Amino acid sequence: MSRDLLLKGGRIVDPSQGLDTIGDVLLRDGKVEACGGAIGTPDGAEVVDVSGLVVAPGLIDVHVHLREPGREDVETVATGAHSAVAGGFTGVCAMPNTKPVTDNQATVGFVKRQGETAGFARVYPYGAISLGQKGETLAEFGEMVAAGAVAFSDDGKPVESAHLMRTALEYARAFNVPVAEHCEDMTLARGGSMNEGLMSAKLGLKGIPAEAEEIYVIRDILLAKRTGGHIHLCHLSTKGSVELVRWGKERGINVTAEVCSHHISLTEAAVEGYNTNAKMNPPLRTQEDVEALQQGVADGTIDLLVTDHAPHHYDEKEREFADAPNGIVGLETALGVNCTYLLKPGIISLAQMIDAMSCKPAKVFHLPGGTLARGSVGDVTVFDPARTWTCDPKQFKSKGRNTPYGGHTFNGQALLTVVGGRVVYRAN
């Protein structure tokens, strides 16, 4: 039996209960024993004074790449989960584009066990939609759900066959899990390495037009309408995508969507100088797109804030821009980015940010957590939304250092992360 943990005197913000109050949180046997008001100190309890800080349900990121199995030189489940808790995340969903692909019961079970052994954030594996992510044959959903898969995706590439995606939505519906889609028409995007526009013309790089994403967004929304299945749209980047999701939701279609912290904070201008740390897929877009994504989060069209955490080896990012891999590490910067670019300017409230980073991810993906209600799992994030800090990639717990935010100053930082009633990260 673990020692009781009493978080004393913090500002408790829990949108799942409509709670915003000063008080205490008591964790016992890995669960929330009491929340709110003044709680007496049980005998032998560890007491942490969190006055002046925000106490929230543990943050959950449904879109990360932990690279294991296959690329343990870049990241392991353990280092990724350590990176997560350093960023305030108590749970992460690991994408299946590993080597081998996580498309079977054994690999799903392996990823889940590696997460449990690491003992940092909870790790929830995705299963691949298609065998080998080849887009040809549907993987065995039932066996993977039994092993612990919480959703299905071929992320890194789209499911090009509309028929296969329709079948996936119908099949996943039987297990009440979402199908998460990487929206990209490869015939439009092929060869592109950044947003298509004046900047790509100036740099002499082939661009990826917004329509490459939006064609799949509307296709998948219509397939969800046809099947009644749950389509979750990954890392949206364009104004048009937000408008299409809004259209789908207004018609009661079972669609949810996410946006990455880098897409609400950076534009294609970050690519200037052929900065490979700003190369990602989908690419950074225009200021108009950034503002539309921010507004989508504010009005609830966009459900979740995610990272698309994608570590790469230093040498890989040192290649020519067009040949460098896509993606950035994000778990340790996301809270600071969201506080700085969404919360501080007043685009969203503190409750909205916590809702999009904790409560809704738990609800949309049917995960434990996302609430401090009595009896729920004892996953808590304590952070200071105003604390100023400067990003130093050398200090990351992740093996990855590929970030465009090195040297940037943020407001907002996780100070204490608790998983199952146990402190797994404490800032210096």
Protein backbone atom coordinates (compact mmCIF):
# COMPACT_ATOMS: atom_id res chain seq x y z
CA MET A 1 0.00 0.00 0.00
CA SER A 2 1.47 3.37 -1.03
CA ARG A 3 1.73 6.39 1.21
CA ASP A 4 -1.11 8.92 1.06
CA LEU A 5 -0.31 12.10 -0.88
CA LEU A 6 -1.96 15.39 0.06
CA LEU A 7 -1.66 18.31 -2.39
CA LYS A 8 -2.44 21.29 -0.22
CA GLY A 9 -3.82 24.71 -1.01
CA GLY A 10 -3.72 24.76 -4.81
CA ARG A 11 -6.12 26.19 -7.37
CA ILE A 12 -8.04 23.08 -8.41
CA VAL A 13 -9.30 23.36 -11.98
CA ASP A 14 -11.27 20.33 -13.13
CA PRO A 15 -13.61 21.01 -16.06
CA SER A 16 -15.06 17.49 -15.80
CA GLN A 17 -16.74 18.63 -12.58
CA GLY A 18 -17.06 22.33 -13.41
CA LEU A 19 -14.61 22.91 -10.57
CA ASP A 20 -12.40 25.98 -10.09
CA THR A 21 -11.62 26.47 -6.43
CA ILE A 22 -8.85 26.77 -3.88
CA GLY A 23 -8.42 23.59 -1.86
CA ASP A 24 -6.69 20.27 -1.26
CA VAL A 25 -6.52 16.97 -3.16
CA LEU A 26 -5.94 13.71 -1.30
CA LEU A 27 -4.68 10.65 -3.18
CA ARG A 28 -4.87 7.21 -1.57
CA ASP A 29 -4.10 3.74 -2.97
CA GLY A 30 -3.57 5.20 -6.43
CA LYS A 31 -6.93 6.96 -6.58
CA VAL A 32 -8.51 10.28 -5.73
CA GLU A 33 -9.82 10.00 -2.18
CA ALA A 34 -11.06 13.58 -1.80
CA CYS A 35 -10.95 16.81 -3.80
CA GLY A 36 -11.73 20.37 -2.73
CA GLY A 37 -11.96 22.28 0.50
CA ALA A 38 -9.60 21.90 3.45
CA ILE A 39 -8.70 18.25 4.03
CA GLY A 40 -7.09 17.11 7.23
CA THR A 41 -3.67 15.48 6.98
CA PRO A 42 -3.90 11.69 7.39
CA ASP A 43 -1.27 10.03 9.57
CA GLY A 44 1.91 9.37 7.61
CA ALA A 45 0.79 11.25 4.52
CA GLU A 46 3.24 13.11 2.31
CA VAL A 47 2.14 16.72 2.14
CA VAL A 48 3.07 18.95 -0.79
CA ASP A 49 2.31 22.66 -0.56
CA VAL A 50 0.96 23.67 -3.99
CA SER A 51 -0.42 27.07 -3.03
CA GLY A 52 -0.25 29.51 -5.91
CA LEU A 53 -0.20 26.65 -8.44
CA VAL A 54 -2.84 25.03 -10.63
CA VAL A 55 -3.87 21.46 -9.76
CA ALA A 56 -5.46 19.72 -12.75
CA PRO A 57 -6.41 16.23 -13.87
CA GLY A 58 -3.31 14.67 -15.46
CA LEU A 59 -2.62 15.80 -19.02
CA ILE A 60 -3.11 13.20 -21.76
CA ASP A 61 -1.55 13.31 -25.24
CA VAL A 62 -3.24 10.99 -27.74
CA HIS A 63 -0.61 11.47 -30.47
CA VAL A 64 3.03 10.57 -29.80
CA HIS A 65 5.70 8.51 -31.52
CA LEU A 66 7.84 6.51 -29.08
CA ARG A 67 9.84 4.69 -31.82
CA GLU A 68 10.07 1.37 -29.95
CA PRO A 69 10.22 -1.30 -31.27
CA GLY A 70 12.75 -0.64 -33.99
CA ARG A 71 14.35 2.76 -33.39
CA GLU A 72 15.48 2.58 -29.79
CA ASP A 73 18.46 4.76 -30.76
CA VAL A 74 15.99 7.64 -31.28
CA GLU A 75 13.52 7.03 -28.44
CA THR A 76 12.30 4.17 -26.27
CA VAL A 77 8.98 3.74 -24.59
CA ALA A 78 10.77 4.49 -21.31
CA THR A 79 12.50 7.70 -22.44
CA GLY A 80 9.33 8.87 -24.17
CA ALA A 81 7.27 8.21 -21.06
CA HIS A 82 9.88 10.03 -18.97
CA SER A 83 9.71 12.97 -21.37
CA ALA A 84 5.93 12.92 -21.03
CA VAL A 85 5.87 13.31 -17.25
CA ALA A 86 8.49 16.07 -17.46
CA GLY A 87 6.00 17.92 -19.66
CA GLY A 88 3.12 17.26 -17.26
CA PHE A 89 1.55 14.35 -19.17
CA THR A 90 0.32 11.39 -17.15
CA GLY A 91 -0.81 9.40 -20.19
CA VAL A 92 0.22 9.11 -23.85
CA CYS A 93 -1.09 7.16 -26.83
CA ALA A 94 1.75 5.63 -28.88
CA MET A 95 1.35 5.59 -32.67
CA PRO A 96 1.91 2.24 -34.41
CA ASN A 97 4.37 3.23 -37.16
CA THR A 98 7.17 1.35 -35.42
CA LYS A 99 9.54 -1.22 -36.93
CA PRO A 100 7.94 -3.73 -37.03
CA VAL A 101 4.58 -2.02 -37.30
CA THR A 102 2.32 -2.40 -34.27
CA ASP A 103 -0.33 -4.31 -36.19
CA ASN A 104 -0.76 -7.42 -34.05
CA GLN A 105 -1.57 -8.55 -30.54
CA ALA A 106 2.04 -9.36 -29.59
CA THR A 107 3.45 -5.94 -30.47
CA VAL A 108 0.59 -4.09 -28.81
CA GLY A 109 1.24 -6.13 -25.67
CA PHE A 110 4.97 -5.42 -25.88
CA VAL A 111 4.49 -1.64 -26.05
CA LYS A 112 2.03 -1.73 -23.18
CA ARG A 113 4.39 -3.79 -21.00
CA GLN A 114 7.33 -1.50 -21.78
CA GLY A 115 5.25 1.41 -20.56
CA GLU A 116 4.27 -0.36 -17.36
CA THR A 117 7.89 -1.34 -16.69
CA ALA A 118 9.13 2.21 -17.23
CA GLY A 119 6.84 3.51 -14.49
CA PHE A 120 6.43 7.04 -15.76
CA ALA A 121 3.38 8.08 -17.83
CA ARG A 122 0.71 5.53 -18.70
CA VAL A 123 1.30 4.28 -22.25
CA TYR A 124 -1.70 3.33 -24.39
CA PRO A 125 -0.78 1.67 -27.70
CA TYR A 126 -2.48 2.33 -31.01
CA GLY A 127 -2.96 -0.58 -33.36
CA ALA A 128 -2.41 -0.14 -37.08
CA ILE A 129 -5.47 -0.03 -39.33
CA SER A 130 -3.84 -2.14 -42.03
CA LEU A 131 -1.25 -4.90 -41.89
CA GLY A 132 2.21 -3.37 -42.20
CA GLN A 133 0.47 0.00 -42.75
CA LYS A 134 0.37 -0.97 -46.41
CA GLY A 135 -3.24 0.09 -46.84
CA GLU A 136 -4.23 -3.28 -48.31
CA THR A 137 -5.53 -5.66 -45.63
CA LEU A 138 -7.33 -4.74 -42.45
CA ALA A 139 -5.42 -5.70 -39.29
CA GLU A 140 -7.05 -7.83 -36.59
CA PHE A 141 -8.75 -5.20 -34.45
CA GLY A 142 -10.32 -7.55 -31.92
CA GLU A 143 -7.06 -9.20 -30.90
CA MET A 144 -5.30 -5.85 -30.55
CA VAL A 145 -8.09 -4.38 -28.42
CA ALA A 146 -7.82 -7.43 -26.17
CA ALA A 147 -4.07 -6.73 -25.83
CA GLY A 148 -4.63 -3.09 -24.91
CA ALA A 149 -4.99 -1.06 -28.11
CA VAL A 150 -7.17 2.00 -27.52
CA ALA A 151 -7.51 3.25 -31.12
CA PHE A 152 -6.41 2.48 -34.67
CA SER A 153 -4.37 4.52 -37.12
CA ASP A 154 -1.94 4.24 -40.01
CA ASP A 155 -0.47 7.60 -38.96
CA GLY A 156 2.55 8.68 -40.94
CA LYS A 157 0.54 7.97 -44.05
CA PRO A 158 -3.16 8.05 -45.01
CA VAL A 159 -5.45 5.11 -45.71
CA GLU A 160 -5.70 5.71 -49.44
CA SER A 161 -8.45 3.18 -50.07
CA ALA A 162 -11.82 4.66 -49.21
CA HIS A 163 -13.24 1.15 -49.10
CA LEU A 164 -10.66 0.06 -46.50
CA MET A 165 -11.34 3.15 -44.40
CA ARG A 166 -15.07 2.48 -44.57
CA THR A 167 -14.48 -1.09 -43.41
CA ALA A 168 -12.19 0.10 -40.61
CA LEU A 169 -14.84 2.52 -39.34
CA GLU A 170 -17.49 -0.18 -39.41
CA TYR A 171 -15.25 -2.71 -37.67
CA ALA A 172 -13.91 -0.30 -35.02
CA ARG A 173 -17.46 0.70 -34.16
CA ALA A 174 -18.02 -2.79 -32.80
CA PHE A 175 -15.22 -2.18 -30.26
CA ASN A 176 -16.22 1.41 -29.48
CA VAL A 177 -12.79 2.80 -30.38
CA PRO A 178 -11.89 5.68 -32.71
CA VAL A 179 -10.13 5.42 -36.05
CA ALA A 180 -7.52 8.18 -36.29
CA GLU A 181 -6.60 9.37 -39.76
CA HIS A 182 -3.53 11.09 -41.15
CA CYS A 183 -5.23 13.22 -43.80
CA GLU A 184 -3.00 13.58 -46.84
CA ASP A 185 -3.70 13.05 -50.52
CA MET A 186 -0.36 11.67 -51.62
CA THR A 187 -0.96 12.49 -55.28
CA LEU A 188 -1.12 16.18 -54.36
CA ALA A 189 1.50 16.15 -51.62
CA ARG A 190 4.10 13.85 -53.13
CA GLY A 191 7.53 15.46 -53.24
CA GLY A 192 6.44 18.41 -51.12
CA SER A 193 8.39 19.40 -48.04
CA MET A 194 6.66 22.56 -46.79
CA ASN A 195 3.48 24.60 -47.24
CA GLU A 196 2.73 25.56 -50.84
CA GLY A 197 2.78 29.33 -51.21
CA LEU A 198 4.99 32.36 -51.64
CA MET A 199 7.49 31.09 -49.06
CA SER A 200 7.97 27.74 -50.83
CA ALA A 201 8.45 29.61 -54.11
CA LYS A 202 11.00 31.91 -52.49
CA LEU A 203 12.96 28.98 -51.05
CA GLY A 204 12.66 26.89 -54.19
CA LEU A 205 11.04 24.00 -52.33
CA LYS A 206 8.10 21.97 -53.56
CA GLY A 207 5.04 22.77 -51.50
CA ILE A 208 2.12 20.78 -50.13
CA PRO A 209 -1.21 22.54 -50.82
CA ALA A 210 -3.90 22.82 -48.17
CA GLU A 211 -6.22 20.76 -50.36
CA ALA A 212 -3.97 17.70 -49.91
CA GLU A 213 -5.24 17.59 -46.32
CA GLU A 214 -8.77 18.86 -46.84
CA ILE A 215 -9.70 16.27 -49.50
CA TYR A 216 -9.18 13.50 -46.95
CA VAL A 217 -10.86 15.45 -44.16
CA ILE A 218 -14.13 15.68 -46.06
CA ARG A 219 -13.83 12.11 -47.41
CA ASP A 220 -13.44 10.69 -43.92
CA ILE A 221 -16.22 12.84 -42.46
CA LEU A 222 -18.54 11.51 -45.16
CA LEU A 223 -17.45 7.93 -44.47
CA ALA A 224 -18.17 8.47 -40.76
CA LYS A 225 -21.60 9.78 -41.76
CA ARG A 226 -22.20 6.65 -43.86
CA THR A 227 -20.99 4.14 -41.24
CA GLY A 228 -21.75 5.83 -37.93
CA GLY A 229 -18.16 5.07 -36.95
CA HIS A 230 -15.97 7.47 -34.99
CA ILE A 231 -13.39 9.25 -37.15
CA HIS A 232 -10.70 11.18 -35.30
CA LEU A 233 -8.76 13.55 -37.55
CA CYS A 234 -5.09 13.94 -36.66
CA HIS A 235 -2.91 17.05 -36.58
CA LEU A 236 -5.09 19.38 -38.69
CA SER A 237 -3.25 22.35 -40.13
CA THR A 238 -5.51 24.40 -42.39
CA LYS A 239 -8.38 26.86 -42.09
CA GLY A 240 -10.36 24.78 -44.56
CA SER A 241 -10.02 21.65 -42.40
CA VAL A 242 -11.45 23.50 -39.40
CA GLU A 243 -14.41 24.64 -41.48
CA LEU A 244 -15.03 21.08 -42.71
CA VAL A 245 -14.95 19.64 -39.18
CA ARG A 246 -17.36 22.37 -38.10
CA TRP A 247 -19.64 21.37 -40.98
CA GLY A 248 -19.53 17.73 -39.90
CA LYS A 249 -20.23 18.44 -36.25
CA GLU A 250 -23.16 20.68 -37.10
CA ARG A 251 -24.71 17.67 -38.81
CA GLY A 252 -24.19 15.35 -35.87
CA ILE A 253 -21.52 13.25 -37.56
CA ASN A 254 -19.24 11.31 -35.19
CA VAL A 255 -16.08 13.30 -35.87
CA THR A 256 -13.44 14.61 -33.47
CA ALA A 257 -10.24 16.48 -34.29
CA GLU A 258 -6.89 17.46 -32.85
CA VAL A 259 -4.34 20.18 -33.48
CA CYS A 260 -0.65 20.25 -32.56
CA SER A 261 0.94 22.90 -30.40
CA HIS A 262 3.34 23.82 -33.21
CA HIS A 263 0.48 24.45 -35.64
CA ILE A 264 -1.13 27.01 -33.30
CA SER A 265 2.13 28.81 -32.59
CA LEU A 266 4.34 28.81 -35.72
CA THR A 267 3.92 29.71 -39.38
CA GLU A 268 5.77 28.67 -42.50
CA ALA A 269 8.16 31.57 -41.80
CA ALA A 270 9.93 29.25 -39.32
CA VAL A 271 11.21 27.27 -42.31
CA GLU A 272 13.22 30.24 -43.59
CA GLY A 273 16.92 29.46 -43.64
CA TYR A 274 15.99 25.87 -44.47
CA ASN A 275 15.48 25.11 -40.81
CA THR A 276 14.87 21.37 -40.72
CA ASN A 277 13.65 21.61 -37.12
CA ALA A 278 10.61 23.36 -38.58
CA LYS A 279 9.98 20.63 -41.14
CA MET A 280 6.91 18.59 -40.30
CA ASN A 281 3.97 16.84 -41.87
CA PRO A 282 1.48 18.40 -42.22
CA PRO A 283 3.66 21.46 -42.75
CA LEU A 284 3.52 24.73 -40.90
CA ARG A 285 1.01 26.93 -42.72
CA THR A 286 0.09 30.63 -42.89
CA GLN A 287 -0.91 33.12 -40.20
CA GLU A 288 -4.51 32.85 -41.43
CA ASP A 289 -4.41 29.09 -40.83
CA VAL A 290 -2.86 29.53 -37.37
CA GLU A 291 -5.60 31.94 -36.34
CA ALA A 292 -8.32 29.61 -37.69
CA LEU A 293 -6.88 26.69 -35.71
CA GLN A 294 -6.72 28.81 -32.56
CA GLN A 295 -10.35 29.85 -33.07
CA GLY A 296 -11.27 26.21 -33.66
CA VAL A 297 -9.88 25.32 -30.24
CA ALA A 298 -11.67 28.28 -28.67
CA ASP A 299 -15.11 27.42 -30.06
CA GLY A 300 -14.77 23.66 -29.52
CA THR A 301 -14.57 22.65 -33.18
CA ILE A 302 -11.12 21.27 -32.40
CA ASP A 303 -11.44 18.85 -29.49
CA LEU A 304 -7.87 18.09 -28.47
CA LEU A 305 -4.45 19.71 -28.17
CA VAL A 306 -1.68 17.19 -28.95
CA THR A 307 2.06 17.17 -29.65
CA ASP A 308 2.73 14.66 -32.48
CA HIS A 309 5.97 14.10 -30.52
CA ALA A 310 8.41 12.80 -33.15
CA PRO A 311 12.06 12.46 -32.08
CA HIS A 312 14.77 12.01 -34.70
CA HIS A 313 18.49 11.43 -34.56
CA TYR A 314 20.59 14.60 -34.87
CA ASP A 315 22.26 13.41 -38.08
CA GLU A 316 18.92 12.77 -39.76
CA LYS A 317 17.82 16.37 -39.28
CA GLU A 318 21.17 17.63 -40.61
CA ARG A 319 20.32 16.56 -44.16
CA GLU A 320 19.18 18.83 -47.00
CA PHE A 321 15.75 20.25 -46.14
CA ALA A 322 13.84 18.22 -48.73
CA ASP A 323 15.49 14.99 -47.54
CA ALA A 324 15.25 15.54 -43.78
CA PRO A 325 12.58 13.62 -41.86
CA ASN A 326 9.41 15.33 -40.66
CA GLY A 327 8.57 16.07 -37.07
CA ILE A 328 9.69 17.62 -33.80
CA VAL A 329 9.82 16.56 -30.17
CA GLY A 330 6.95 18.13 -28.29
CA LEU A 331 6.10 16.56 -24.97
CA GLU A 332 8.28 18.89 -22.90
CA THR A 333 7.29 22.11 -24.65
CA ALA A 334 3.55 21.67 -25.31
CA LEU A 335 2.26 23.05 -22.02
CA GLY A 336 4.49 26.11 -22.34
CA VAL A 337 3.48 26.65 -25.98
CA ASN A 338 -0.23 26.37 -25.19
CA CYS A 339 0.01 28.66 -22.18
CA THR A 340 1.98 31.22 -24.17
CA TYR A 341 0.04 31.22 -27.45
CA LEU A 342 -3.51 30.34 -26.36
CA LEU A 343 -3.92 31.10 -22.65
CA LYS A 344 -1.85 34.24 -22.15
CA PRO A 345 -3.44 36.17 -25.08
CA GLY A 346 -6.89 35.19 -23.79
CA ILE A 347 -7.84 33.07 -26.81
CA ILE A 348 -8.95 30.28 -24.47
CA SER A 349 -9.49 30.09 -20.73
CA LEU A 350 -7.52 27.97 -18.28
CA ALA A 351 -10.46 25.58 -18.02
CA GLN A 352 -10.65 25.24 -21.82
CA MET A 353 -6.94 24.45 -22.04
CA ILE A 354 -7.16 21.77 -19.35
CA ASP A 355 -10.28 20.39 -20.98
CA ALA A 356 -8.50 20.05 -24.36
CA MET A 357 -5.34 18.54 -22.80
CA SER A 358 -6.91 16.23 -20.21
CA CYS A 359 -10.67 15.80 -19.89
CA LYS A 360 -11.56 15.53 -23.58
CA PRO A 361 -8.66 13.22 -24.51
CA ALA A 362 -9.82 10.83 -21.79
CA LYS A 363 -13.42 11.08 -22.93
CA VAL A 364 -12.80 10.83 -26.68
CA PHE A 365 -10.41 7.86 -26.37
CA HIS A 366 -12.22 6.20 -23.42
CA LEU A 367 -9.15 6.38 -21.18
CA PRO A 368 -8.84 6.46 -17.38
CA GLY A 369 -8.27 9.93 -15.94
CA GLY A 370 -9.30 13.35 -17.16
CA THR A 371 -11.03 14.01 -13.85
CA LEU A 372 -10.33 14.48 -10.15
CA ALA A 373 -13.67 13.02 -9.14
CA ARG A 374 -13.54 10.78 -6.05
CA GLY A 375 -12.59 7.23 -6.97
CA SER A 376 -10.91 8.13 -10.27
CA VAL A 377 -7.27 7.28 -10.97
CA GLY A 378 -4.83 9.44 -9.03
CA ASP A 379 -3.28 11.17 -12.05
CA VAL A 380 -2.59 14.85 -11.42
CA THR A 381 -0.60 17.63 -13.04
CA VAL A 382 0.51 20.62 -10.97
CA PHE A 383 1.71 23.57 -12.99
CA ASP A 384 2.30 27.30 -12.94
CA PRO A 385 0.66 28.88 -16.02
CA ALA A 386 2.66 32.09 -15.57
CA ARG A 387 6.10 30.69 -14.77
CA THR A 388 8.69 31.93 -17.28
CA TRP A 389 11.30 29.53 -18.63
CA THR A 390 13.59 29.23 -21.62
CA CYS A 391 13.64 26.09 -23.73
CA ASP A 392 17.00 24.29 -23.63
CA PRO A 393 16.81 21.07 -25.69
CA LYS A 394 19.89 19.70 -23.90
CA GLN A 395 17.74 19.36 -20.79
CA PHE A 396 15.05 17.21 -22.46
CA LYS A 397 14.31 13.80 -20.98
CA SER A 398 13.51 12.64 -24.50
CA LYS A 399 16.39 11.35 -26.57
CA GLY A 400 15.29 13.78 -29.28
CA ARG A 401 16.60 17.34 -29.49
CA ASN A 402 14.87 18.34 -32.73
CA THR A 403 12.77 21.35 -31.80
CA PRO A 404 12.25 24.78 -33.38
CA TYR A 405 11.73 26.23 -29.89
CA GLY A 406 15.32 26.09 -28.64
CA GLY A 407 16.05 29.41 -26.90
CA HIS A 408 12.37 30.44 -26.91
CA THR A 409 10.95 31.81 -23.67
CA PHE A 410 7.59 30.45 -22.57
CA ASN A 411 5.03 31.07 -19.87
CA GLY A 412 3.70 27.95 -18.19
CA GLN A 413 5.54 24.90 -16.89
CA ALA A 414 4.74 21.60 -15.19
CA LEU A 415 6.18 21.40 -11.68
CA LEU A 416 4.80 18.13 -10.31
CA THR A 417 3.40 15.10 -12.12
CA VAL A 418 1.59 12.35 -10.25
CA VAL A 419 0.56 8.99 -11.77
CA GLY A 420 -1.53 6.57 -9.77
CA GLY A 421 -0.98 8.62 -6.62
CA ARG A 422 2.82 8.43 -6.99
CA VAL A 423 5.05 11.42 -7.73
CA VAL A 424 6.88 10.54 -10.97
CA TYR A 425 8.29 13.98 -11.77
CA ARG A 426 9.21 17.00 -9.68
CA ALA A 427 10.78 20.09 -11.28
CA ASN A 428 13.94 21.51 -9.76
